[in-house]
């Protein structure tokens, strides 16, 4: 009964390691999940999970991890062994502005088209 309850709790609550594993980009080097989990538990990385995941999310946006289709992404075990998040300056990831919102704002600021230009355009389009 105790084991069944543990499985239910583990499936209900996602651990920091599970979030880390999901966040880590797919690459040919992504492997050794069991060894990574053991390292995570033994080194007590759960207490740093938010910082580690934030660093991974930021690193995925960097040129180093994006160039050559992710050829320079380290294996997760290497990342954990080297504690690459430790002391790293993690800038805030800026949200990308929706271009349609910007376009709408720009239209509101635009000067209306003069009537004589509108009339000439309509004539060119055959809408006289």
Protein backbone atom coordinates (compact mmCIF):
# COMPACT_ATOMS: atom_id res chain seq x y z
CA UNK A 1 0.00 0.00 0.00
CA UNK A 2 2.84 2.40 0.85
CA UNK A 3 4.51 1.85 -2.53
CA UNK A 4 1.26 2.52 -4.40
CA UNK A 5 0.78 5.77 -2.48
CA UNK A 6 4.35 6.84 -3.33
CA UNK A 7 3.72 6.23 -7.04
CA UNK A 8 0.53 8.30 -6.86
CA UNK A 9 2.34 11.15 -5.11
CA UNK A 10 5.24 11.06 -7.57
CA UNK A 11 2.86 11.18 -10.50
CA UNK A 12 0.89 14.04 -8.90
CA UNK A 13 3.84 16.26 -7.91
CA UNK A 14 6.47 16.96 -10.50
CA UNK A 15 9.95 17.08 -8.97
CA UNK A 16 12.55 19.68 -9.77
CA UNK A 17 14.52 17.01 -11.59
CA UNK A 18 11.53 16.16 -13.79
CA UNK A 19 11.15 19.85 -14.66
CA UNK A 20 14.89 20.07 -15.36
CA UNK A 21 14.75 17.03 -17.63
CA UNK A 22 11.78 18.44 -19.56
CA UNK A 23 13.46 21.84 -19.87
CA UNK A 24 16.78 20.42 -21.06
CA UNK A 25 16.94 20.63 -24.86
CA UNK A 26 16.83 17.49 -26.93
CA UNK A 27 20.19 16.67 -28.45
CA UNK A 28 22.24 13.56 -29.25
CA UNK A 29 23.96 14.01 -25.88
CA UNK A 30 20.78 14.03 -23.79
CA UNK A 31 21.01 10.73 -21.99
CA UNK A 32 22.04 9.03 -18.74
CA UNK A 33 18.81 10.09 -17.08
CA UNK A 34 19.23 7.69 -14.17
CA UNK A 35 22.77 8.93 -13.47
CA UNK A 36 21.54 12.53 -13.70
CA UNK A 37 18.73 11.80 -11.24
CA UNK A 38 21.19 10.18 -8.81
CA UNK A 39 23.50 13.20 -9.08
CA UNK A 40 20.52 15.51 -8.54
CA UNK A 41 19.46 13.67 -5.38
CA UNK A 42 22.96 13.10 -3.95
CA UNK A 43 24.06 16.71 -4.44
CA UNK A 44 20.74 18.07 -3.12
CA UNK A 45 20.07 20.07 -6.29
CA UNK A 46 16.34 20.07 -5.56
CA UNK A 47 16.86 23.16 -3.39
CA UNK A 48 18.37 24.94 -6.43
CA UNK A 49 15.87 23.58 -8.95
CA UNK A 50 14.33 26.95 -9.87
CA UNK A 51 17.74 28.55 -10.48
CA UNK A 52 18.99 25.56 -12.49
CA UNK A 53 15.88 25.45 -14.68
CA UNK A 54 15.95 29.21 -15.21
CA UNK A 55 19.59 28.92 -16.31
CA UNK A 56 18.79 26.08 -18.71
CA UNK A 57 15.88 28.05 -20.18
CA UNK A 58 18.16 31.05 -20.69
CA UNK A 59 21.00 28.96 -22.15
CA UNK A 60 18.58 27.57 -24.75
CA UNK A 61 18.25 31.13 -26.11
CA UNK A 62 22.01 31.69 -26.42
CA UNK A 63 24.00 31.39 -29.62
CA UNK A 64 26.27 28.79 -28.05
CA UNK A 65 23.42 26.35 -27.54
CA UNK A 66 21.66 27.20 -30.80
CA UNK A 67 24.51 27.13 -33.30
CA UNK A 68 24.94 24.11 -35.54
CA UNK A 69 21.60 22.64 -34.44
CA UNK A 70 22.64 22.40 -30.81
CA UNK A 71 25.97 20.66 -31.42
CA UNK A 72 27.51 22.53 -28.48
CA UNK A 73 24.88 21.68 -25.87
CA UNK A 74 26.61 19.72 -23.12
CA UNK A 75 25.25 16.42 -21.92
CA UNK A 76 22.97 16.98 -18.92
CA UNK A 77 25.31 14.94 -16.72
CA UNK A 78 28.22 17.22 -17.69
CA UNK A 79 26.03 20.26 -16.99
CA UNK A 80 25.18 18.93 -13.53
CA UNK A 81 28.74 17.76 -12.75
CA UNK A 82 30.17 21.16 -13.64
CA UNK A 83 27.36 23.05 -11.88
CA UNK A 84 27.24 25.47 -14.79
CA UNK A 85 24.42 27.52 -13.27
CA UNK A 86 26.49 28.31 -10.16
CA UNK A 87 27.53 31.97 -10.21
CA UNK A 88 26.12 32.50 -13.69
CA UNK A 89 24.55 35.85 -14.43
CA UNK A 90 21.10 34.99 -15.72
CA UNK A 91 19.46 37.94 -17.46
CA UNK A 92 15.72 38.25 -17.43
CA UNK A 93 14.27 36.81 -20.61
CA UNK A 94 12.27 39.54 -22.30
CA UNK A 95 8.91 38.61 -23.69
CA UNK A 96 8.61 39.07 -27.42
CA UNK A 97 6.09 41.75 -28.26
CA UNK A 98 3.24 40.68 -30.49
CA UNK A 99 3.81 42.44 -33.84
CA UNK A 100 0.06 42.81 -34.42
CA UNK A 101 -0.31 44.83 -31.22
CA UNK A 102 2.56 47.09 -32.31
CA UNK A 103 1.01 47.51 -35.76
CA UNK A 104 -2.34 48.47 -34.22
CA UNK A 105 -0.66 51.01 -31.93
CA UNK A 106 1.25 52.50 -34.86
CA UNK A 107 -1.96 52.83 -36.90
CA UNK A 108 -3.58 54.79 -34.07
CA UNK A 109 -0.65 57.22 -34.07
CA UNK A 110 -0.59 57.63 -37.86
CA UNK A 111 -1.69 60.83 -39.59
CA UNK A 112 -4.84 60.28 -41.67
CA UNK A 113 -4.40 60.16 -45.44
CA UNK A 114 -5.34 63.42 -47.20
CA UNK A 115 -8.60 63.30 -49.18
CA UNK A 116 -6.96 64.16 -52.52
CA UNK A 117 -4.54 61.20 -52.15
CA UNK A 118 -7.43 58.87 -51.25
CA UNK A 119 -9.32 60.03 -54.36
CA UNK A 120 -6.29 59.41 -56.61
CA UNK A 121 -5.74 55.92 -55.14
CA UNK A 122 -9.43 55.06 -55.61
CA UNK A 123 -9.20 56.24 -59.23
CA UNK A 124 -6.14 54.07 -59.84
CA UNK A 125 -7.94 51.09 -58.33
CA UNK A 126 -11.01 51.76 -60.46
CA UNK A 127 -13.27 52.67 -57.55
CA UNK A 128 -14.34 56.11 -58.79
